[in-house]
């Protein structure tokens, strides 16, 4: 079980990172040689193909094919490699081809969504009274209209929604028993500290780089702004998506990061804990994104699949959680 669920996917990820970094280092040193200067056009094309095509292809076969990573994530990697290649070789005449292809790809995706926007909204509104969960209802609407929900797209929409809609109601119905996780964990305060630190660091780095490398300064500024929005959205989502219990049904949620819906009968044992065994890689620690130690370890009678942001899924038979009201939670689980 341990090897199947955790070791193999991690091995493929490490293998990809190792090969990708080796390619990047090799290509960088190639660009510093006299051979590159003498044969700029030919080698520029070769290096561009290695970085923009080779690494995403490697990612597809080692990560997407071997793990449960969503296919849409390759578009993010492609965007990153096009941007990085353009930065490393600003005078590269071939990079513009890939920039245009990326624009066309993104334009097509956006066009499909816009064209079906009204249908998506209509189905989302129809689903809202059935499930008290923005992300689940959004995925249902996308799947109904487009055939399959893009984990990347729904993830980005969710982050932006929680980021800018602070006054959104807590996602629960009146019949739900609600268990929060942000009041005693201090998660929101920690996220606020990260946000402030990111803001200060981004400002300092931008000022320092602006005169030396203006392009790099702008790129890092954009990434910093996105990081700030992501942190804000993640913090707000933790307060809006508590754990819900209704009858025998339990919905575990940790912000935008984890979602699991199951029946009480699937929980074999609930074990109060103060910390988890870090050497036990079969445990999914959902409290990690709360920046605190879990206070319960749930043992399931069979492996369950936990959904995460951007369509990522993890299979586990033991899950560590944190809740504010430990006594009421344990009682609700065991009843």
Protein backbone atom coordinates (compact mmCIF):
# COMPACT_ATOMS: atom_id res chain seq x y z
CA UNK A 1 0.00 0.00 0.00
CA UNK A 2 2.73 2.47 1.02
CA UNK A 3 4.72 2.05 -2.16
CA UNK A 4 1.69 2.19 -4.40
CA UNK A 5 0.18 5.31 -2.88
CA UNK A 6 3.19 7.48 -2.11
CA UNK A 7 6.66 6.29 -3.11
CA UNK A 8 6.14 5.84 -6.84
CA UNK A 9 4.51 9.23 -7.59
CA UNK A 10 7.19 10.98 -5.54
CA UNK A 11 9.89 9.09 -7.42
CA UNK A 12 8.51 10.23 -10.77
CA UNK A 13 8.31 13.82 -9.53
CA UNK A 14 11.90 13.75 -8.28
CA UNK A 15 13.04 12.18 -11.54
CA UNK A 16 11.32 14.92 -13.54
CA UNK A 17 12.78 17.70 -11.41
CA UNK A 18 16.26 16.19 -11.68
CA UNK A 19 16.16 15.78 -15.47
CA UNK A 20 14.54 19.21 -16.01
CA UNK A 21 17.16 20.97 -13.87
CA UNK A 22 19.94 19.10 -15.69
CA UNK A 23 18.54 20.29 -19.04
CA UNK A 24 18.26 23.89 -17.79
CA UNK A 25 21.81 23.92 -16.42
CA UNK A 26 23.25 22.32 -19.56
CA UNK A 27 21.44 24.76 -21.87
CA UNK A 28 22.49 27.74 -19.75
CA UNK A 29 26.16 26.81 -19.92
CA UNK A 30 25.81 26.12 -23.64
CA UNK A 31 24.65 29.73 -24.10
CA UNK A 32 27.85 30.95 -22.44
CA UNK A 33 30.18 29.16 -24.88
CA UNK A 34 31.82 30.52 -28.02
CA UNK A 35 30.13 27.77 -30.03
CA UNK A 36 26.76 29.33 -29.22
CA UNK A 37 28.03 32.76 -30.28
CA UNK A 38 29.26 31.37 -33.61
CA UNK A 39 26.11 29.35 -34.34
CA UNK A 40 23.46 31.43 -32.60
CA UNK A 41 20.57 30.80 -34.99
CA UNK A 42 20.91 27.01 -35.10
CA UNK A 43 21.57 26.56 -31.39
CA UNK A 44 18.88 29.05 -30.40
CA UNK A 45 16.29 26.89 -32.16
CA UNK A 46 17.66 23.71 -30.59
CA UNK A 47 17.70 25.19 -27.07
CA UNK A 48 14.22 26.65 -27.54
CA UNK A 49 12.84 23.26 -28.58
CA UNK A 50 14.54 21.55 -25.62
CA UNK A 51 13.13 23.99 -23.08
CA UNK A 52 9.69 24.81 -24.52
CA UNK A 53 8.82 21.41 -26.01
CA UNK A 54 11.19 18.90 -24.42
CA UNK A 55 10.55 19.69 -20.76
CA UNK A 56 6.71 19.79 -21.08
CA UNK A 57 6.81 16.47 -22.99
CA UNK A 58 8.98 15.03 -20.22
CA UNK A 59 6.46 16.39 -17.69
CA UNK A 60 3.60 14.69 -19.55
CA UNK A 61 5.19 11.22 -19.52
CA UNK A 62 6.70 11.34 -16.01
CA UNK A 63 4.10 13.33 -14.09
CA UNK A 64 0.73 13.38 -15.86
CA UNK A 65 0.88 9.78 -17.13
CA UNK A 66 2.33 8.36 -13.91
CA UNK A 67 0.50 10.38 -11.26
CA UNK A 68 -2.94 11.95 -10.79
CA UNK A 69 -1.77 15.45 -11.78
CA UNK A 70 -4.35 17.20 -14.02
CA UNK A 71 -3.57 17.59 -17.72
CA UNK A 72 -4.22 21.35 -17.59
CA UNK A 73 -1.11 21.79 -15.43
CA UNK A 74 1.05 21.27 -18.51
CA UNK A 75 -0.25 24.57 -19.88
CA UNK A 76 1.13 26.34 -16.81
CA UNK A 77 4.51 24.67 -17.29
CA UNK A 78 4.47 25.58 -21.00
CA UNK A 79 3.77 29.21 -20.12
CA UNK A 80 6.62 29.16 -17.60
CA UNK A 81 9.10 27.65 -20.06
CA UNK A 82 8.16 30.13 -22.81
CA UNK A 83 8.63 33.00 -20.35
CA UNK A 84 11.94 31.62 -19.04
CA UNK A 85 13.30 30.97 -22.54
CA UNK A 86 12.39 34.49 -23.62
CA UNK A 87 14.16 35.86 -20.56
CA UNK A 88 17.33 33.78 -21.09
CA UNK A 89 17.48 34.59 -24.81
CA UNK A 90 15.78 37.98 -25.34
CA UNK A 91 16.99 38.16 -28.95
CA UNK A 92 15.76 34.68 -29.79
CA UNK A 93 13.81 34.95 -33.09
CA UNK A 94 12.03 31.62 -32.57
CA UNK A 95 10.40 32.22 -29.20
CA UNK A 96 7.71 34.40 -30.82
CA UNK A 97 6.26 31.33 -32.54
CA UNK A 98 5.58 29.72 -29.17
CA UNK A 99 4.29 32.96 -27.66
CA UNK A 100 1.71 33.17 -30.43
CA UNK A 101 0.75 29.51 -30.02
CA UNK A 102 0.27 30.11 -26.30
CA UNK A 103 -1.93 33.14 -26.95
CA UNK A 104 -4.03 31.12 -29.39
CA UNK A 105 -4.34 28.22 -26.93
CA UNK A 106 -5.37 30.48 -24.06
CA UNK A 107 -7.69 32.41 -26.36
CA UNK A 108 -9.39 29.21 -27.44
CA UNK A 109 -9.89 28.11 -23.83
CA UNK A 110 -11.25 31.50 -22.80
CA UNK A 111 -13.46 31.61 -25.89
CA UNK A 112 -15.00 28.24 -25.04
CA UNK A 113 -15.70 29.35 -21.47
CA UNK A 114 -17.15 32.74 -22.53
CA UNK A 115 -19.34 31.13 -25.19
CA UNK A 116 -20.78 28.75 -22.58
CA UNK A 117 -20.76 31.25 -19.72
CA UNK A 118 -24.53 31.60 -19.42
CA UNK A 119 -25.03 27.83 -19.40
CA UNK A 120 -22.37 27.41 -16.72
CA UNK A 121 -23.96 30.10 -14.53
CA UNK A 122 -27.44 28.61 -14.99
CA UNK A 123 -26.33 25.13 -13.96
CA UNK A 124 -24.26 26.50 -11.07
CA UNK A 125 -27.31 28.32 -9.71
CA UNK A 126 -29.40 25.17 -10.05
CA UNK A 127 -26.82 23.15 -8.11
CA UNK A 128 -26.30 25.72 -5.31
CA UNK A 129 -29.43 24.72 -3.32
CA UNK A 130 -28.31 21.08 -3.43
CA UNK A 131 -24.73 21.42 -2.17
CA UNK A 132 -23.27 24.07 0.12
CA UNK A 133 -19.96 24.22 -1.71
CA UNK A 134 -18.88 26.79 -4.30
CA UNK A 135 -16.07 24.70 -5.78
CA UNK A 136 -18.07 21.48 -6.09
CA UNK A 137 -20.98 23.31 -7.72
CA UNK A 138 -18.62 25.10 -10.10
CA UNK A 139 -16.99 21.81 -11.12
CA UNK A 140 -20.43 20.28 -11.67
CA UNK A 141 -21.44 23.18 -13.93
CA UNK A 142 -18.22 23.01 -15.96
CA UNK A 143 -18.54 19.25 -16.36
CA UNK A 144 -22.17 19.50 -17.49
CA UNK A 145 -21.36 22.10 -20.16
CA UNK A 146 -17.82 21.24 -21.27
CA UNK A 147 -17.81 17.49 -20.59
CA UNK A 148 -15.01 17.79 -18.04
CA UNK A 149 -14.10 20.40 -15.47
CA UNK A 150 -10.64 21.95 -15.81
CA UNK A 151 -9.07 21.64 -12.39
CA UNK A 152 -6.70 24.49 -13.16
CA UNK A 153 -9.47 26.84 -14.31
CA UNK A 154 -11.87 26.06 -11.45
CA UNK A 155 -9.00 26.37 -8.99
CA UNK A 156 -8.07 29.82 -10.26
CA UNK A 157 -11.70 30.98 -10.25
CA UNK A 158 -12.11 29.71 -6.68
CA UNK A 159 -8.97 31.47 -5.44
CA UNK A 160 -10.03 34.77 -7.01
CA UNK A 161 -13.59 34.41 -5.73
CA UNK A 162 -12.50 33.91 -2.12
CA UNK A 163 -9.86 36.61 -2.48
CA UNK A 164 -12.25 39.37 -3.57
CA UNK A 165 -15.52 38.19 -1.98
CA UNK A 166 -14.67 38.34 1.70
CA UNK A 167 -18.33 38.77 2.68
CA UNK A 168 -19.35 35.44 1.14
CA UNK A 169 -21.47 33.40 3.58
CA UNK A 170 -20.12 30.29 5.25
CA UNK A 171 -20.77 27.39 2.90
CA UNK A 172 -23.23 25.35 4.93
CA UNK A 173 -26.96 24.75 5.22
CA UNK A 174 -29.05 25.12 8.38
CA UNK A 175 -29.24 21.37 8.86
CA UNK A 176 -25.44 21.02 8.89
CA UNK A 177 -23.42 20.65 12.06
CA UNK A 178 -20.43 22.96 11.50
CA UNK A 179 -16.88 22.40 12.74
CA UNK A 180 -14.41 25.23 12.18
CA UNK A 181 -10.63 24.86 12.12
CA UNK A 182 -9.26 28.42 11.95
CA UNK A 183 -10.11 29.84 15.39
CA UNK A 184 -7.72 27.86 17.61
CA UNK A 185 -5.17 26.94 14.96
CA UNK A 186 -4.28 30.57 14.26
CA UNK A 187 -4.22 29.76 10.56
CA UNK A 188 -5.62 33.11 9.41
CA UNK A 189 -3.12 35.08 11.50
CA UNK A 190 -0.25 33.05 10.06
CA UNK A 191 -1.50 33.62 6.51
CA UNK A 192 -1.76 37.36 7.24
CA UNK A 193 1.88 37.29 8.42
CA UNK A 194 2.88 35.54 5.17
CA UNK A 195 0.97 38.16 3.18
CA UNK A 196 2.74 41.03 4.94
CA UNK A 197 6.14 39.37 4.54
CA UNK A 198 5.50 38.75 0.83
CA UNK A 199 4.42 42.36 0.36
CA UNK A 200 7.56 43.74 2.02
CA UNK A 201 9.87 41.33 0.19
CA UNK A 202 8.24 41.99 -3.19
CA UNK A 203 8.59 45.74 -2.76
CA UNK A 204 12.25 45.50 -1.75
CA UNK A 205 13.16 43.11 -4.57
CA UNK A 206 11.34 45.21 -7.17
CA UNK A 207 13.17 48.38 -6.10
CA UNK A 208 16.55 46.62 -6.15
CA UNK A 209 16.05 44.93 -9.52
CA UNK A 210 14.25 47.72 -11.33
CA UNK A 211 17.41 49.56 -12.38
CA UNK A 212 19.51 46.44 -12.97
CA UNK A 213 17.04 44.08 -14.68
CA UNK A 214 13.73 45.89 -15.41
CA UNK A 215 12.19 42.91 -17.21
CA UNK A 216 13.02 40.52 -14.38
CA UNK A 217 11.70 43.08 -11.88
CA UNK A 218 8.34 43.21 -13.67
CA UNK A 219 8.10 39.40 -13.91
CA UNK A 220 8.85 38.99 -10.21
CA UNK A 221 6.38 41.76 -9.36
CA UNK A 222 3.62 39.97 -11.26
CA UNK A 223 4.46 36.68 -9.53
CA UNK A 224 4.47 38.44 -6.15
CA UNK A 225 1.05 40.01 -6.79
CA UNK A 226 -0.34 36.61 -7.77
CA UNK A 227 1.18 35.07 -4.62
CA UNK A 228 -0.52 37.75 -2.51
CA UNK A 229 -3.89 37.10 -4.14
CA UNK A 230 -3.41 33.35 -3.68
CA UNK A 231 -2.58 33.71 0.03
CA UNK A 232 -5.58 35.99 0.63
CA UNK A 233 -7.93 33.62 -1.21
CA UNK A 234 -6.54 30.60 0.65
CA UNK A 235 -6.96 32.30 4.04
CA UNK A 236 -10.54 33.40 3.34
CA UNK A 237 -11.50 29.94 2.02
CA UNK A 238 -10.41 28.32 5.31
CA UNK A 239 -13.01 30.42 7.16
CA UNK A 240 -15.76 29.80 4.58
CA UNK A 241 -15.44 26.03 4.11
CA UNK A 242 -15.71 24.30 7.51
CA UNK A 243 -16.19 20.59 8.11
CA UNK A 244 -19.87 19.63 7.79
CA UNK A 245 -21.79 16.74 9.35
CA UNK A 246 -25.39 15.89 8.50
CA UNK A 247 -26.78 12.59 9.72
CA UNK A 248 -24.36 9.90 8.60
CA UNK A 249 -22.71 12.07 5.94
CA UNK A 250 -19.45 13.91 6.62
CA UNK A 251 -17.82 16.52 4.38
CA UNK A 252 -14.18 17.24 5.25
CA UNK A 253 -12.87 20.51 3.83
CA UNK A 254 -9.69 22.50 4.46
CA UNK A 255 -10.01 25.75 2.54
CA UNK A 256 -9.43 25.17 -1.16
CA UNK A 257 -6.87 22.46 -0.44
CA UNK A 258 -8.85 19.35 0.54
CA UNK A 259 -12.34 17.96 0.01
CA UNK A 260 -13.63 14.55 1.04
CA UNK A 261 -17.24 13.42 1.29
CA UNK A 262 -17.98 10.08 2.91
CA UNK A 263 -20.24 8.15 5.28
CA UNK A 264 -19.53 7.74 9.00
CA UNK A 265 -19.44 3.98 8.55
CA UNK A 266 -16.28 4.37 6.45
CA UNK A 267 -14.40 5.65 9.51
CA UNK A 268 -12.92 2.64 11.25
CA UNK A 269 -11.39 4.57 14.15
CA UNK A 270 -10.92 8.17 15.34
CA UNK A 271 -7.74 8.64 17.36
CA UNK A 272 -6.98 11.82 19.37
CA UNK A 273 -3.35 12.88 18.77
CA UNK A 274 -1.01 15.78 19.48
CA UNK A 275 1.26 15.21 16.49
CA UNK A 276 1.64 12.70 13.71
CA UNK A 277 4.36 10.20 13.03
CA UNK A 278 6.37 12.00 10.34
CA UNK A 279 7.92 8.73 9.21
CA UNK A 280 4.51 7.28 8.35
CA UNK A 281 4.06 8.44 4.77
CA UNK A 282 0.65 6.77 4.49
CA UNK A 283 -0.89 9.58 6.57
CA UNK A 284 -2.42 12.53 4.74
CA UNK A 285 -1.90 15.51 7.03
CA UNK A 286 -4.64 17.99 6.12
CA UNK A 287 -3.65 20.24 9.03
CA UNK A 288 -0.42 21.18 7.27
CA UNK A 289 -2.17 23.97 5.34
CA UNK A 290 -3.48 25.31 8.66
CA UNK A 291 0.12 25.67 9.84
CA UNK A 292 -0.64 23.63 12.97
CA UNK A 293 -0.45 20.10 14.34
CA UNK A 294 -3.51 17.88 13.85
CA UNK A 295 -5.55 16.78 16.86
CA UNK A 296 -7.26 13.73 15.33
CA UNK A 297 -6.14 10.84 13.16
CA UNK A 298 -8.93 9.17 11.19
CA UNK A 299 -8.53 5.54 10.09
CA UNK A 300 -10.74 4.49 7.16
CA UNK A 301 -11.91 0.95 6.48
CA UNK A 302 -10.68 1.26 2.88
CA UNK A 303 -8.62 3.76 0.84
CA UNK A 304 -10.46 7.00 0.06
CA UNK A 305 -9.73 9.64 -2.57
CA UNK A 306 -9.29 13.18 -1.30
CA UNK A 307 -9.72 15.98 -3.84
CA UNK A 308 -7.47 19.02 -3.85
CA UNK A 309 -7.14 22.30 -5.68
CA UNK A 310 -6.43 22.25 -9.47
CA UNK A 311 -7.89 18.76 -9.78
CA UNK A 312 -5.15 17.09 -7.74
CA UNK A 313 -6.25 13.89 -5.99
CA UNK A 314 -4.65 11.86 -3.22
CA UNK A 315 -5.56 8.38 -2.05
CA UNK A 316 -5.11 7.49 1.60
CA UNK A 317 -6.45 5.26 4.37
CA UNK A 318 -5.34 7.51 7.25
CA UNK A 319 -6.03 11.24 7.45
CA UNK A 320 -4.89 13.71 10.11
CA UNK A 321 -7.25 16.65 10.78
CA UNK A 322 -7.54 19.64 13.08
CA UNK A 323 -10.82 20.94 14.51
CA UNK A 324 -11.49 23.71 17.01
CA UNK A 325 -14.12 21.86 19.07
CA UNK A 326 -12.52 18.48 19.73
CA UNK A 327 -15.12 17.11 22.13
CA UNK A 328 -18.14 17.90 19.94
CA UNK A 329 -16.37 16.61 16.84
CA UNK A 330 -15.43 13.25 18.33
CA UNK A 331 -18.95 12.86 19.68
CA UNK A 332 -20.48 13.69 16.27
CA UNK A 333 -18.23 11.19 14.51
CA UNK A 334 -18.91 8.32 16.90
CA UNK A 335 -22.68 8.78 17.20
